[in-house]
Protein backbone atom coordinates (compact mmCIF):
# COMPACT_ATOMS: atom_id res chain seq x y z
CA MET A 1 -0.99 20.57 1.34
CA PRO A 2 1.28 17.68 -0.39
CA LYS A 3 -0.21 14.16 0.35
CA SER A 4 1.78 10.98 1.58
CA ILE A 5 1.92 7.78 0.88
CA LEU A 6 3.25 4.31 2.89
CA ILE A 7 4.58 1.75 0.70
CA VAL A 8 4.62 -2.08 2.78
CA ASP A 9 6.44 -4.54 1.19
CA ASP A 10 9.04 -6.83 2.43
CA SER A 11 11.00 -6.63 -1.16
CA ARG A 12 13.48 -3.59 -1.01
CA PHE A 13 13.18 -3.53 -4.87
CA ALA A 14 9.38 -3.69 -5.00
CA ARG A 15 9.54 -0.39 -2.43
CA LEU A 16 12.23 1.14 -4.55
CA SER A 17 10.41 0.60 -7.81
CA LEU A 18 7.17 2.20 -6.26
CA ARG A 19 8.96 4.69 -4.56
CA ARG A 20 10.39 5.98 -7.83
CA ILE A 21 7.08 6.23 -9.38
CA VAL A 22 5.81 8.29 -6.81
CA GLU A 23 8.56 10.79 -6.65
CA GLN A 24 8.78 10.71 -10.03
CA HIS A 25 5.04 11.62 -10.93
CA PHE A 26 4.37 13.67 -7.78
CA PRO A 27 7.78 14.92 -6.36
CA ASP A 28 5.83 17.13 -3.19
CA TRP A 29 4.52 14.05 -2.10
CA TYR A 30 6.07 12.30 1.44
CA VAL A 31 6.73 8.74 0.99
CA ALA A 32 7.26 6.55 3.53
CA GLU A 33 8.24 2.93 3.51
CA ALA A 34 8.08 -0.55 5.97
CA ALA A 35 9.29 -3.90 5.02
CA ASN A 36 6.26 -5.64 6.91
CA GLY A 37 3.13 -5.12 8.83
CA GLU A 38 4.49 -4.32 12.34
CA GLU A 39 7.12 -1.71 10.80
CA ALA A 40 4.05 -0.15 8.88
CA LEU A 41 1.97 0.26 12.19
CA ASN A 42 4.49 1.90 13.91
CA ILE A 43 5.22 4.22 10.73
CA LEU A 44 1.43 4.85 11.03
CA GLY A 45 1.37 5.94 14.56
CA ASP A 46 4.05 9.14 13.43
CA ILE A 47 2.35 10.09 9.99
CA SER A 48 -1.10 10.35 8.52
CA ALA A 49 -0.94 8.97 5.50
CA ASP A 50 -3.25 9.15 2.29
CA HIS A 51 -2.40 6.19 0.27
CA ILE A 52 -1.19 2.93 1.94
CA LEU A 53 0.43 0.42 -1.03
CA LEU A 54 0.23 -2.73 1.02
CA ASP A 55 2.07 -6.36 -0.02
CA TYR A 56 -0.31 -9.42 1.02
CA ASN A 57 2.66 -11.98 1.32
CA MET A 58 4.88 -10.70 3.86
CA PRO A 59 6.72 -11.76 6.91
CA GLY A 60 4.31 -11.75 9.99
CA ASP A 61 0.88 -10.64 9.18
CA ASP A 62 -0.44 -11.06 5.41
CA GLY A 63 -1.36 -7.53 4.03
CA LEU A 64 -5.12 -8.23 4.74
CA THR A 65 -4.74 -8.43 7.96
CA VAL A 66 -2.32 -5.39 8.27
CA ALA A 67 -5.35 -3.80 6.65
CA GLU A 68 -7.56 -4.48 9.17
CA LYS A 69 -5.65 -3.62 11.94
CA ILE A 70 -5.20 -0.32 10.17
CA ARG A 71 -8.45 0.13 10.02
CA ALA A 72 -9.26 -0.79 13.11
CA ARG A 73 -7.35 2.38 14.43
CA GLY A 74 -9.57 4.92 12.59
CA ILE A 75 -6.96 5.06 9.56
CA THR A 76 -8.96 6.19 6.78
CA ALA A 77 -6.32 6.09 4.11
CA ALA A 78 -6.84 4.51 0.58
CA ILE A 79 -5.35 1.12 0.84
CA THR A 80 -4.15 -1.25 -2.02
CA ILE A 81 -3.27 -4.28 -1.64
CA ILE A 82 -0.38 -5.54 -4.38
CA THR A 83 0.45 -8.88 -4.60
CA ALA A 84 1.86 -11.57 -7.27
CA ASN A 85 -1.12 -13.88 -5.28
CA VAL A 86 -3.55 -13.68 -8.04
CA GLN A 87 -6.36 -15.80 -6.58
CA ASP A 88 -9.51 -14.56 -7.20
CA ALA A 89 -10.98 -15.09 -3.71
CA LEU A 90 -8.12 -12.88 -2.45
CA SER A 91 -8.84 -10.15 -4.71
CA GLU A 92 -12.69 -10.39 -3.87
CA ARG A 93 -11.97 -10.73 -0.27
CA ALA A 94 -9.70 -7.24 -0.52
CA ARG A 95 -12.69 -5.60 -2.48
CA GLN A 96 -15.05 -6.48 0.32
CA ARG A 97 -13.14 -5.02 2.59
CA GLY A 98 -13.23 -1.66 1.07
CA LEU A 99 -9.50 -2.24 -0.52
CA SER A 100 -8.27 -2.01 -4.00
CA PHE A 101 -6.20 -4.75 -5.58
CA LEU A 102 -3.54 -4.74 -8.42
CA ARG A 103 -1.51 -7.80 -9.19
CA LYS A 104 2.21 -7.74 -9.55
CA PRO A 105 4.11 -6.33 -11.39
CA ALA A 106 1.74 -3.33 -11.49
CA LYS A 107 2.49 -1.24 -14.32
CA GLU A 108 3.35 2.34 -13.80
CA GLU A 109 -0.07 3.19 -15.69
CA GLN A 110 -1.99 1.33 -12.95
CA ILE A 111 -0.01 2.73 -10.30
CA LEU A 112 -0.73 6.42 -11.58
CA ALA A 113 -4.40 5.92 -12.29
CA LEU A 114 -4.74 4.62 -8.63
CA LEU A 115 -2.99 7.72 -6.88
CA ASN A 116 -4.50 10.05 -9.45
CA ALA A 117 -8.34 8.75 -8.54
CA GLY A 118 -7.66 8.88 -4.62
């Protein structure tokens, strides 16, 4: 059964870049996109995602808050925070919540390693 991934980022360019990587290396995966946390939560009402790539700095709720809301719904997808905000404290907070953490711009090899591991 093909996997599905939700890419959440307020930057259209970032979403398209991540989508390109996923579609190139995992052509049978279903890829959904959201521009913010509220949109992501709405989409997750309709699909069952295996992976969620989640920006930290977005309009509305930040990525950690969105991740908490996702977990509160009982969704167990692998969640990775991807951000240019490279504070060690943010990385540690993500890891304490069981989330993966990547710094922007994430390299293609990093994305592939993450998706292949999950």
